[in-house]
Amino acid sequence: MRLIYDNSGVAAVVIPAPKFLTQLAVLDADGNDTVTLESKLIHIANKDLPTGTNYEIIADSVDLSDRAFRNAWTYTADASVEQTSADLSDEDKLKYNQMTQEEYDDANPD
């Protein structure tokens, strides 16, 4: 699965790295991942897209192999499946170096 969104009038695609998807796993007692792929992609959208960006999660089966005029591709939203990126938690911002430890401490006093 991938993310597709409008990047200043041109369709943009985010293909998550398998290693990063693995890092988002939460395993149960039997070693099974309890986090859905869709939940992981939503987390990636919140992490990598500006807050408020509309996006869709698309299947790997969607053919994007034709790269002719790729910069001319446009994103047409499907309102029934479109989502909007949100802010990350302060813990996630700190983990991804989007916030310094000092900023985190100031925002989250004990």
PDB file of N, CA and C in Angstrom:
ATOM      1  N   MET A   1       0.840  -1.171   0.000  1.00  0.00           N
ATOM      2  CA  MET A   1       0.000   0.000   0.000  1.00  0.00           C
ATOM      3  C   MET A   1       0.894   1.246   0.000  1.00  0.00           C
ATOM      4  N   ARG A   2       0.350   2.317  -0.571  1.00  0.00           N
ATOM      5  CA  ARG A   2       1.092   3.567  -0.708  1.00  0.00           C
ATOM      6  C   ARG A   2       0.178   4.744  -0.395  1.00  0.00           C
ATOM      7  N   LEU A   3       0.788   5.903  -0.241  1.00  0.00           N
ATOM      8  CA  LEU A   3       0.040   7.143  -0.054  1.00  0.00           C
ATOM      9  C   LEU A   3       0.143   7.961  -1.332  1.00  0.00           C
ATOM     10  N   ILE A   4      -0.935   8.628  -1.690  1.00  0.00           N
ATOM     11  CA  ILE A   4      -0.912   9.543  -2.823  1.00  0.00           C
ATOM     12  C   ILE A   4      -1.560  10.842  -2.358  1.00  0.00           C
ATOM     13  N   TYR A   5      -0.951  11.972  -2.760  1.00  0.00           N
ATOM     14  CA  TYR A   5      -1.468  13.268  -2.338  1.00  0.00           C
ATOM     15  C   TYR A   5      -1.100  14.330  -3.358  1.00  0.00           C
ATOM     16  N   ASP A   6      -1.719  15.491  -3.231  1.00  0.00           N
ATOM     17  CA  ASP A   6      -1.466  16.622  -4.119  1.00  0.00           C
ATOM     18  C   ASP A   6      -0.285  17.416  -3.579  1.00  0.00           C
ATOM     19  N   ASN A   7       0.769  17.529  -4.370  1.00  0.00           N
ATOM     20  CA  ASN A   7       1.953  18.293  -4.002  1.00  0.00           C
ATOM     21  C   ASN A   7       2.043  19.490  -4.942  1.00  0.00           C
ATOM     22  N   SER A   8       1.371  20.561  -4.589  1.00  0.00           N
ATOM     23  CA  SER A   8       1.345  21.790  -5.398  1.00  0.00           C
ATOM     24  C   SER A   8       0.850  21.538  -6.821  1.00  0.00           C
ATOM     25  N   GLY A   9      -0.234  20.792  -6.935  1.00  0.00           N
ATOM     26  CA  GLY A   9      -0.855  20.560  -8.229  1.00  0.00           C
ATOM     27  C   GLY A   9      -0.381  19.314  -8.959  1.00  0.00           C
ATOM     28  N   VAL A  10       0.631  18.632  -8.430  1.00  0.00           N
ATOM     29  CA  VAL A  10       1.150  17.412  -9.046  1.00  0.00           C
ATOM     30  C   VAL A  10       0.936  16.250  -8.080  1.00  0.00           C
ATOM     31  N   ALA A  11       0.503  15.130  -8.599  1.00  0.00           N
ATOM     32  CA  ALA A  11       0.307  13.951  -7.758  1.00  0.00           C
ATOM     33  C   ALA A  11       1.648  13.458  -7.235  1.00  0.00           C
ATOM     34  N   ALA A  12       1.718  13.204  -5.945  1.00  0.00           N
ATOM     35  CA  ALA A  12       2.934  12.679  -5.315  1.00  0.00           C
ATOM     36  C   ALA A  12       2.601  11.353  -4.655  1.00  0.00           C
ATOM     37  N   VAL A  13       3.573  10.446  -4.652  1.00  0.00           N
ATOM     38  CA  VAL A  13       3.387   9.110  -4.097  1.00  0.00           C
ATOM     39  C   VAL A  13       4.430   8.878  -3.018  1.00  0.00           C
ATOM     40  N   VAL A  14       3.992   8.354  -1.887  1.00  0.00           N
ATOM     41  CA  VAL A  14       4.900   7.954  -0.808  1.00  0.00           C
ATOM     42  C   VAL A  14       4.860   6.434  -0.731  1.00  0.00           C
ATOM     43  N   ILE A  15       6.023   5.825  -0.918  1.00  0.00           N
ATOM     44  CA  ILE A  15       6.146   4.371  -0.805  1.00  0.00           C
ATOM     45  C   ILE A  15       6.955   4.101   0.461  1.00  0.00           C
ATOM     46  N   PRO A  16       6.317   3.569   1.500  1.00  0.00           N
ATOM     47  CA  PRO A  16       7.026   3.396   2.763  1.00  0.00           C
ATOM     48  C   PRO A  16       8.110   2.318   2.673  1.00  0.00           C
ATOM     49  N   ALA A  17       9.199   2.573   3.360  1.00  0.00           N
ATOM     50  CA  ALA A  17      10.293   1.600   3.416  1.00  0.00           C
ATOM     51  C   ALA A  17       9.867   0.421   4.294  1.00  0.00           C
ATOM     52  N   PRO A  18      10.062  -0.807   3.818  1.00  0.00           N
ATOM     53  CA  PRO A  18       9.670  -1.975   4.613  1.00  0.00           C
ATOM     54  C   PRO A  18      10.319  -1.987   6.002  1.00  0.00           C
ATOM     55  N   LYS A  19      11.558  -1.535   6.093  1.00  0.00           N
ATOM     56  CA  LYS A  19      12.244  -1.520   7.392  1.00  0.00           C
ATOM     57  C   LYS A  19      11.522  -0.585   8.365  1.00  0.00           C
ATOM     58  N   PHE A  20      11.062   0.574   7.877  1.00  0.00           N
ATOM     59  CA  PHE A  20      10.341   1.497   8.752  1.00  0.00           C
ATOM     60  C   PHE A  20       8.998   0.912   9.160  1.00  0.00           C
ATOM     61  N   LEU A  21       8.305   0.251   8.240  1.00  0.00           N
ATOM     62  CA  LEU A  21       7.035  -0.386   8.590  1.00  0.00           C
ATOM     63  C   LEU A  21       7.241  -1.412   9.702  1.00  0.00           C
ATOM     64  N   THR A  22       8.345  -2.140   9.639  1.00  0.00           N
ATOM     65  CA  THR A  22       8.662  -3.128  10.670  1.00  0.00           C
ATOM     66  C   THR A  22       8.882  -2.447  12.011  1.00  0.00           C
ATOM     67  N   GLN A  23       9.511  -1.266  12.001  1.00  0.00           N
ATOM     68  CA  GLN A  23       9.765  -0.542  13.245  1.00  0.00           C
ATOM     69  C   GLN A  23       8.475  -0.079  13.910  1.00  0.00           C
ATOM     70  N   LEU A  24       7.401   0.057  13.148  1.00  0.00           N
ATOM     71  CA  LEU A  24       6.119   0.497  13.701  1.00  0.00           C
ATOM     72  C   LEU A  24       5.303  -0.666  14.266  1.00  0.00           C
ATOM     73  N   ALA A  25       5.820  -1.865  14.154  1.00  0.00           N
ATOM     74  CA  ALA A  25       5.095  -3.046  14.614  1.00  0.00           C
ATOM     75  C   ALA A  25       4.999  -3.056  16.138  1.00  0.00           C
ATOM     76  N   VAL A  26       3.865  -3.537  16.617  1.00  0.00           N
ATOM     77  CA  VAL A  26       3.667  -3.819  18.034  1.00  0.00           C
ATOM     78  C   VAL A  26       3.270  -5.277  18.102  1.00  0.00           C
ATOM     79  N   LEU A  27       4.118  -6.086  18.739  1.00  0.00           N
ATOM     80  CA  LEU A  27       3.899  -7.532  18.746  1.00  0.00           C
ATOM     81  C   LEU A  27       3.126  -7.980  19.977  1.00  0.00           C
ATOM     82  N   ASP A  28       2.242  -8.951  19.760  1.00  0.00           N
ATOM     83  CA  ASP A  28       1.540  -9.545  20.892  1.00  0.00           C
ATOM     84  C   ASP A  28       2.381 -10.680  21.463  1.00  0.00           C
ATOM     85  N   ALA A  29       1.854 -11.407  22.422  1.00  0.00           N
ATOM     86  CA  ALA A  29       2.597 -12.473  23.099  1.00  0.00           C
ATOM     87  C   ALA A  29       3.036 -13.575  22.142  1.00  0.00           C
ATOM     88  N   ASP A  30       2.311 -13.762  21.046  1.00  0.00           N
ATOM     89  CA  ASP A  30       2.647 -14.798  20.068  1.00  0.00           C
ATOM     90  C   ASP A  30       3.577 -14.291  18.969  1.00  0.00           C
ATOM     91  N   GLY A  31       3.980 -13.024  19.037  1.00  0.00           N
ATOM     92  CA  GLY A  31       4.882 -12.463  18.028  1.00  0.00           C
ATOM     93  C   GLY A  31       4.178 -11.938  16.796  1.00  0.00           C
ATOM     94  N   ASN A  32       2.862 -11.779  16.862  1.00  0.00           N
ATOM     95  CA  ASN A  32       2.097 -11.264  15.727  1.00  0.00           C
ATOM     96  C   ASN A  32       1.976  -9.743  15.833  1.00  0.00           C
ATOM     97  N   ASP A  33       2.114  -9.067  14.700  1.00  0.00           N
ATOM     98  CA  ASP A  33       1.989  -7.616  14.657  1.00  0.00           C
ATOM     99  C   ASP A  33       0.532  -7.240  14.889  1.00  0.00           C
ATOM    100  N   THR A  34       0.275  -6.376  15.863  1.00  0.00           N
ATOM    101  CA  THR A  34      -1.091  -5.977  16.194  1.00  0.00           C
ATOM    102  C   THR A  34      -1.498  -4.662  15.527  1.00  0.00           C
ATOM    103  N   VAL A  35      -0.581  -4.025  14.794  1.00  0.00           N
ATOM    104  CA  VAL A  35      -0.870  -2.754  14.134  1.00  0.00           C
ATOM    105  C   VAL A  35      -1.155  -3.030  12.660  1.00  0.00           C
ATOM    106  N   THR A  36      -2.276  -2.533  12.169  1.00  0.00           N
ATOM    107  CA  THR A  36      -2.635  -2.761  10.766  1.00  0.00           C
ATOM    108  C   THR A  36      -1.741  -1.937   9.846  1.00  0.00           C
ATOM    109  N   LEU A  37      -1.608  -2.387   8.626  1.00  0.00           N
ATOM    110  CA  LEU A  37      -0.839  -1.646   7.630  1.00  0.00           C
ATOM    111  C   LEU A  37      -1.449  -0.269   7.410  1.00  0.00           C
ATOM    112  N   GLU A  38      -2.763  -0.184   7.400  1.00  0.00           N
ATOM    113  CA  GLU A  38      -3.422   1.111   7.221  1.00  0.00           C
ATOM    114  C   GLU A  38      -3.057   2.063   8.361  1.00  0.00           C
ATOM    115  N   SER A  39      -3.038   1.585   9.597  1.00  0.00           N
ATOM    116  CA  SER A  39      -2.661   2.424  10.735  1.00  0.00           C
ATOM    117  C   SER A  39      -1.222   2.905  10.606  1.00  0.00           C
ATOM    118  N   LYS A  40      -0.345   2.042  10.116  1.00  0.00           N
ATOM    119  CA  LYS A  40       1.049   2.431   9.917  1.00  0.00           C
ATOM    120  C   LYS A  40       1.160   3.520   8.846  1.00  0.00           C
ATOM    121  N   LEU A  41       0.378   3.390   7.772  1.00  0.00           N
ATOM    122  CA  LEU A  41       0.410   4.393   6.709  1.00  0.00           C
ATOM    123  C   LEU A  41      -0.160   5.729   7.183  1.00  0.00           C
ATOM    124  N   ILE A  42      -1.177   5.694   8.015  1.00  0.00           N
ATOM    125  CA  ILE A  42      -1.713   6.929   8.584  1.00  0.00           C
ATOM    126  C   ILE A  42      -0.638   7.603   9.433  1.00  0.00           C
ATOM    127  N   HIS A  43       0.089   6.814  10.215  1.00  0.00           N
ATOM    128  CA  HIS A  43       1.186   7.363  11.021  1.00  0.00           C
ATOM    129  C   HIS A  43       2.244   7.996  10.112  1.00  0.00           C
ATOM    130  N   ILE A  44       2.590   7.330   9.023  1.00  0.00           N
ATOM    131  CA  ILE A  44       3.581   7.870   8.081  1.00  0.00           C
ATOM    132  C   ILE A  44       3.076   9.170   7.457  1.00  0.00           C
ATOM    133  N   ALA A  45       1.788   9.224   7.101  1.00  0.00           N
ATOM    134  CA  ALA A  45       1.228  10.456   6.538  1.00  0.00           C
ATOM    135  C   ALA A  45       1.328  11.593   7.551  1.00  0.00           C
ATOM    136  N   ASN A  46       1.018  11.315   8.801  1.00  0.00           N
ATOM    137  CA  ASN A  46       1.110  12.340   9.834  1.00  0.00           C
ATOM    138  C   ASN A  46       2.552  12.782  10.051  1.00  0.00           C
ATOM    139  N   LYS A  47       3.484  11.861   9.867  1.00  0.00           N
ATOM    140  CA  LYS A  47       4.906  12.149  10.071  1.00  0.00           C
ATOM    141  C   LYS A  47       5.496  12.929   8.896  1.00  0.00           C
ATOM    142  N   ASP A  48       5.163  12.527   7.678  1.00  0.00           N
ATOM    143  CA  ASP A  48       5.863  13.042   6.502  1.00  0.00           C
ATOM    144  C   ASP A  48       5.131  14.117   5.712  1.00  0.00           C
ATOM    145  N   LEU A  49       3.831  14.229   5.862  1.00  0.00           N
ATOM    146  CA  LEU A  49       3.075  15.228   5.113  1.00  0.00           C
ATOM    147  C   LEU A  49       2.772  16.419   6.013  1.00  0.00           C
ATOM    148  N   PRO A  50       2.737  17.614   5.451  1.00  0.00           N
ATOM    149  CA  PRO A  50       2.365  18.773   6.264  1.00  0.00           C
ATOM    150  C   PRO A  50       0.966  18.581   6.858  1.00  0.00           C
ATOM    151  N   THR A  51       0.782  19.055   8.074  1.00  0.00           N
ATOM    152  CA  THR A  51      -0.518  18.950   8.734  1.00  0.00           C
ATOM    153  C   THR A  51      -1.600  19.552   7.844  1.00  0.00           C
ATOM    154  N   GLY A  52      -2.692  18.817   7.696  1.00  0.00           N
ATOM    155  CA  GLY A  52      -3.814  19.284   6.884  1.00  0.00           C
ATOM    156  C   GLY A  52      -3.770  18.848   5.437  1.00  0.00           C
ATOM    157  N   THR A  53      -2.742  18.086   5.055  1.00  0.00           N
ATOM    158  CA  THR A  53      -2.632  17.608   3.678  1.00  0.00           C
ATOM    159  C   THR A  53      -3.635  16.478   3.447  1.00  0.00           C
ATOM    160  N   ASN A  54      -4.416  16.576   2.387  1.00  0.00           N
ATOM    161  CA  ASN A  54      -5.350  15.509   2.026  1.00  0.00           C
ATOM    162  C   ASN A  54      -4.592  14.432   1.268  1.00  0.00           C
ATOM    163  N   TYR A  55      -4.879  13.181   1.575  1.00  0.00           N
ATOM    164  CA  TYR A  55      -4.197  12.058   0.937  1.00  0.00           C
ATOM    165  C   TYR A  55      -5.118  10.852   0.877  1.00  0.00           C
ATOM    166  N   GLU A  56      -4.712   9.885   0.089  1.00  0.00           N
ATOM    167  CA  GLU A  56      -5.417   8.602   0.033  1.00  0.00           C
ATOM    168  C   GLU A  56      -4.406   7.492   0.187  1.00  0.00           C
ATOM    169  N   ILE A  57      -4.859   6.393   0.736  1.00  0.00           N
ATOM    170  CA  ILE A  57      -4.066   5.170   0.786  1.00  0.00           C
ATOM    171  C   ILE A  57      -4.503   4.340  -0.409  1.00  0.00           C
ATOM    172  N   ILE A  58      -3.531   3.990  -1.259  1.00  0.00           N
ATOM    173  CA  ILE A  58      -3.863   3.223  -2.460  1.00  0.00           C
ATOM    174  C   ILE A  58      -3.189   1.851  -2.396  1.00  0.00           C
ATOM    175  N   ALA A  59      -3.771   0.906  -3.074  1.00  0.00           N
ATOM    176  CA  ALA A  59      -3.240  -0.458  -3.099  1.00  0.00           C
ATOM    177  C   ALA A  59      -2.000  -0.541  -3.978  1.00  0.00           C
ATOM    178  N   ASP A  60      -1.161  -1.512  -3.696  1.00  0.00           N
ATOM    179  CA  ASP A  60       0.015  -1.748  -4.531  1.00  0.00           C
ATOM    180  C   ASP A  60      -0.382  -2.115  -5.952  1.00  0.00           C
ATOM    181  N   SER A  61      -1.604  -2.605  -6.130  1.00  0.00           N
ATOM    182  CA  SER A  61      -2.052  -3.028  -7.457  1.00  0.00           C
ATOM    183  C   SER A  61      -2.345  -1.848  -8.389  1.00  0.00           C
ATOM    184  N   VAL A  62      -2.429  -0.634  -7.852  1.00  0.00           N
ATOM    185  CA  VAL A  62      -2.639   0.545  -8.702  1.00  0.00           C
ATOM    186  C   VAL A  62      -1.374   0.746  -9.520  1.00  0.00           C
ATOM    187  N   ASP A  63      -1.513   0.726 -10.839  1.00  0.00           N
ATOM    188  CA  ASP A  63      -0.352   0.776 -11.738  1.00  0.00           C
ATOM    189  C   ASP A  63       0.153   2.204 -11.904  1.00  0.00           C
ATOM    190  N   LEU A  64       1.347   2.446 -11.400  1.00  0.00           N
ATOM    191  CA  LEU A  64       1.995   3.748 -11.547  1.00  0.00           C
ATOM    192  C   LEU A  64       3.286   3.611 -12.346  1.00  0.00           C
ATOM    193  N   SER A  65       3.369   2.554 -13.139  1.00  0.00           N
ATOM    194  CA  SER A  65       4.622   2.266 -13.844  1.00  0.00           C
ATOM    195  C   SER A  65       4.855   3.160 -15.061  1.00  0.00           C
ATOM    196  N   ASP A  66       3.801   3.732 -15.631  1.00  0.00           N
ATOM    197  CA  ASP A  66       3.970   4.588 -16.799  1.00  0.00           C
ATOM    198  C   ASP A  66       4.495   5.943 -16.346  1.00  0.00           C
ATOM    199  N   ARG A  67       5.771   6.178 -16.541  1.00  0.00           N
ATOM    200  CA  ARG A  67       6.396   7.409 -16.066  1.00  0.00           C
ATOM    201  C   ARG A  67       6.406   8.518 -17.121  1.00  0.00           C
ATOM    202  N   ALA A  68       5.819   8.255 -18.284  1.00  0.00           N
ATOM    203  CA  ALA A  68       5.725   9.287 -19.312  1.00  0.00           C
ATOM    204  C   ALA A  68       4.868  10.432 -18.773  1.00  0.00           C
ATOM    205  N   PHE A  69       5.350  11.612 -18.879  1.00  0.00           N
ATOM    206  CA  PHE A  69       4.640  12.801 -18.408  1.00  0.00           C
ATOM    207  C   PHE A  69       4.278  12.708 -16.924  1.00  0.00           C
ATOM    208  N   ARG A  70       5.137  12.042 -16.155  1.00  0.00           N
ATOM    209  CA  ARG A  70       4.834  11.841 -14.738  1.00  0.00           C
ATOM    210  C   ARG A  70       4.580  13.160 -14.013  1.00  0.00           C
ATOM    211  N   ASN A  71       5.313  14.212 -14.359  1.00  0.00           N
ATOM    212  CA  ASN A  71       5.104  15.496 -13.697  1.00  0.00           C
ATOM    213  C   ASN A  71       3.774  16.131 -14.080  1.00  0.00           C
ATOM    214  N   ALA A  72       3.106  15.569 -15.080  1.00  0.00           N
ATOM    215  CA  ALA A  72       1.803  16.091 -15.477  1.00  0.00           C
ATOM    216  C   ALA A  72       0.662  15.369 -14.762  1.00  0.00           C
ATOM    217  N   TRP A  73       0.975  14.329 -13.978  1.00  0.00           N
ATOM    218  CA  TRP A  73      -0.067  13.629 -13.239  1.00  0.00           C
ATOM    219  C   TRP A  73      -0.723  14.601 -12.277  1.00  0.00           C
ATOM    220  N   THR A  74      -2.001  14.478 -12.126  1.00  0.00           N
ATOM    221  CA  THR A  74      -2.709  15.305 -11.150  1.00  0.00           C
ATOM    222  C   THR A  74      -3.445  14.383 -10.187  1.00  0.00           C
ATOM    223  N   TYR A  75      -3.669  14.892  -9.000  1.00  0.00           N
ATOM    224  CA  TYR A  75      -4.363  14.150  -7.954  1.00  0.00           C
ATOM    225  C   TYR A  75      -5.809  14.599  -7.926  1.00  0.00           C
ATOM    226  N   THR A  76      -6.710  13.672  -8.142  1.00  0.00           N
ATOM    227  CA  THR A  76      -8.137  13.937  -8.045  1.00  0.00           C
ATOM    228  C   THR A  76      -8.658  13.158  -6.849  1.00  0.00           C
ATOM    229  N   ALA A  77      -9.122  13.869  -5.869  1.00  0.00           N
ATOM    230  CA  ALA A  77      -9.540  13.244  -4.611  1.00  0.00           C
ATOM    231  C   ALA A  77     -10.782  12.387  -4.777  1.00  0.00           C
ATOM    232  N   ASP A  78     -10.799  11.309  -4.043  1.00  0.00           N
ATOM    233  CA  ASP A  78     -11.979  10.464  -3.907  1.00  0.00           C
ATOM    234  C   ASP A  78     -12.478  10.697  -2.481  1.00  0.00           C
ATOM    235  N   ALA A  79     -13.483  11.543  -2.329  1.00  0.00           N
ATOM    236  CA  ALA A  79     -13.943  11.971  -1.010  1.00  0.00           C
ATOM    237  C   ALA A  79     -14.344  10.809  -0.112  1.00  0.00           C
ATOM    238  N   SER A  80     -14.706   9.675  -0.695  1.00  0.00           N
ATOM    239  CA  SER A  80     -15.139   8.552   0.134  1.00  0.00           C
ATOM    240  C   SER A  80     -13.986   7.884   0.870  1.00  0.00           C
ATOM    241  N   VAL A  81     -12.746   8.089   0.410  1.00  0.00           N
ATOM    242  CA  VAL A  81     -11.596   7.451   1.062  1.00  0.00           C
ATOM    243  C   VAL A  81     -10.498   8.440   1.462  1.00  0.00           C
ATOM    244  N   GLU A  82     -10.656   9.698   1.077  1.00  0.00           N
ATOM    245  CA  GLU A  82      -9.624  10.686   1.366  1.00  0.00           C
ATOM    246  C   GLU A  82      -9.526  10.949   2.870  1.00  0.00           C
ATOM    247  N   GLN A  83      -8.287  11.123   3.342  1.00  0.00           N
ATOM    248  CA  GLN A  83      -8.024  11.431   4.734  1.00  0.00           C
ATOM    249  C   GLN A  83      -7.188  12.701   4.807  1.00  0.00           C
ATOM    250  N   THR A  84      -7.025  13.239   6.000  1.00  0.00           N
ATOM    251  CA  THR A  84      -6.245  14.456   6.198  1.00  0.00           C
ATOM    252  C   THR A  84      -5.180  14.186   7.239  1.00  0.00           C
ATOM    253  N   SER A  85      -3.941  14.583   6.937  1.00  0.00           N
ATOM    254  CA  SER A  85      -2.856  14.365   7.889  1.00  0.00           C
ATOM    255  C   SER A  85      -3.060  15.236   9.123  1.00  0.00           C
ATOM    256  N   ALA A  86      -2.584  14.731  10.249  1.00  0.00           N
ATOM    257  CA  ALA A  86      -2.738  15.416  11.533  1.00  0.00           C
ATOM    258  C   ALA A  86      -1.363  15.609  12.171  1.00  0.00           C
ATOM    259  N   ASP A  87      -1.348  16.364  13.258  1.00  0.00           N
ATOM    260  CA  ASP A  87      -0.104  16.555  13.992  1.00  0.00           C
ATOM    261  C   ASP A  87       0.310  15.269  14.686  1.00  0.00           C
ATOM    262  N   LEU A  88       1.608  15.067  14.781  1.00  0.00           N
ATOM    263  CA  LEU A  88       2.142  13.967  15.568  1.00  0.00           C
ATOM    264  C   LEU A  88       2.088  14.331  17.043  1.00  0.00           C
ATOM    265  N   SER A  89       2.143  13.331  17.892  1.00  0.00           N
ATOM    266  CA  SER A  89       2.262  13.589  19.324  1.00  0.00           C
ATOM    267  C   SER A  89       3.644  14.172  19.598  1.00  0.00           C
ATOM    268  N   ASP A  90       3.800  14.824  20.719  1.00  0.00           N
ATOM    269  CA  ASP A  90       5.109  15.366  21.073  1.00  0.00           C
ATOM    270  C   ASP A  90       6.158  14.256  21.188  1.00  0.00           C
ATOM    271  N   GLU A  91       5.748  13.085  21.665  1.00  0.00           N
ATOM    272  CA  GLU A  91       6.679  11.960  21.771  1.00  0.00           C
ATOM    273  C   GLU A  91       7.200  11.544  20.402  1.00  0.00           C
ATOM    274  N   ASP A  92       6.298  11.502  19.420  1.00  0.00           N
ATOM    275  CA  ASP A  92       6.717  11.146  18.066  1.00  0.00           C
ATOM    276  C   ASP A  92       7.575  12.241  17.437  1.00  0.00           C
ATOM    277  N   LYS A  93       7.209  13.507  17.676  1.00  0.00           N
ATOM    278  CA  LYS A  93       8.027  14.605  17.152  1.00  0.00           C
ATOM    279  C   LYS A  93       9.449  14.523  17.689  1.00  0.00           C
ATOM    280  N   LEU A  94       9.593  14.211  18.963  1.00  0.00           N
ATOM    281  CA  LEU A  94      10.915  14.071  19.562  1.00  0.00           C
ATOM    282  C   LEU A  94      11.653  12.890  18.948  1.00  0.00           C
ATOM    283  N   LYS A  95      10.959  11.781  18.772  1.00  0.00           N
ATOM    284  CA  LYS A  95      11.571  10.571  18.209  1.00  0.00           C
ATOM    285  C   LYS A  95      12.081  10.807  16.788  1.00  0.00           C
ATOM    286  N   TYR A  96      11.361  11.613  15.994  1.00  0.00           N
ATOM    287  CA  TYR A  96      11.730  11.858  14.601  1.00  0.00           C
ATOM    288  C   TYR A  96      12.517  13.155  14.421  1.00  0.00           C
ATOM    289  N   ASN A  97      13.046  13.698  15.515  1.00  0.00           N
ATOM    290  CA  ASN A  97      13.867  14.918  15.480  1.00  0.00           C
ATOM    291  C   ASN A  97      13.122  16.110  14.897  1.00  0.00           C
ATOM    292  N   GLN A  98      11.830  16.171  15.125  1.00  0.00           N
ATOM    293  CA  GLN A  98      11.042  17.321  14.706  1.00  0.00           C
ATOM    294  C   GLN A  98      10.829  18.283  15.870  1.00  0.00           C
ATOM    295  N   MET A  99      11.423  17.929  17.015  1.00  0.00           N
ATOM    296  CA  MET A  99      11.326  18.738  18.222  1.00  0.00           C
ATOM    297  C   MET A  99      12.570  18.433  19.046  1.00  0.00           C
ATOM    298  N   THR A 100      13.144  19.457  19.650  1.00  0.00           N
ATOM    299  CA  THR A 100      14.319  19.222  20.496  1.00  0.00           C
ATOM    300  C   THR A 100      13.870  18.723  21.864  1.00  0.00           C
ATOM    301  N   GLN A 101      14.794  18.160  22.604  1.00  0.00           N
ATOM    302  CA  GLN A 101      14.481  17.707  23.954  1.00  0.00           C
ATOM    303  C   GLN A 101      14.020  18.880  24.820  1.00  0.00           C
ATOM    304  N   GLU A 102      14.646  20.045  24.621  1.00  0.00           N
ATOM    305  CA  GLU A 102      14.272  21.231  25.390  1.00  0.00           C
ATOM    306  C   GLU A 102      12.831  21.653  25.070  1.00  0.00           C
ATOM    307  N   GLU A 103      12.476  21.646  23.784  1.00  0.00           N
ATOM    308  CA  GLU A 103      11.108  21.988  23.393  1.00  0.00           C
ATOM    309  C   GLU A 103      10.115  20.989  23.973  1.00  0.00           C
ATOM    310  N   TYR A 104      10.496  19.713  23.963  1.00  0.00           N
ATOM    311  CA  TYR A 104       9.634  18.672  24.523  1.00  0.00           C
ATOM    312  C   TYR A 104       9.428  18.903  26.021  1.00  0.00           C
ATOM    313  N   ASP A 105      10.532  19.153  26.726  1.00  0.00           N
ATOM    314  CA  ASP A 105      10.446  19.368  28.171  1.00  0.00           C
ATOM    315  C   ASP A 105       9.596  20.591  28.509  1.00  0.00           C
ATOM    316  N   ASP A 106       9.729  21.662  27.695  1.00  0.00           N
ATOM    317  CA  ASP A 106       8.936  22.868  27.924  1.00  0.00           C
ATOM    318  C   ASP A 106       7.441  22.605  27.685  1.00  0.00           C
ATOM    319  N   ALA A 107       7.138  21.795  26.682  1.00  0.00           N
ATOM    320  CA  ALA A 107       5.742  21.509  26.338  1.00  0.00           C
ATOM    321  C   ALA A 107       5.102  20.459  27.248  1.00  0.00           C
ATOM    322  N   ASN A 108       5.946  19.673  27.922  1.00  0.00           N
ATOM    323  CA  ASN A 108       5.448  18.567  28.755  1.00  0.00           C
ATOM    324  C   ASN A 108       6.083  18.604  30.140  1.00  0.00           C
ATOM    325  N   PRO A 109       5.764  19.626  30.935  1.00  0.00           N
ATOM    326  CA  PRO A 109       6.361  19.694  32.281  1.00  0.00           C
ATOM    327  C   PRO A 109       5.831  18.551  33.149  1.00  0.00           C
ATOM    328  N   ASP A 110       6.688  18.057  34.006  1.00  0.00           N
ATOM    329  CA  ASP A 110       6.275  16.940  34.897  1.00  0.00           C
ATOM    330  C   ASP A 110       5.337  17.368  35.981  1.00  0.00           C
TER     331      ASP A 110
END
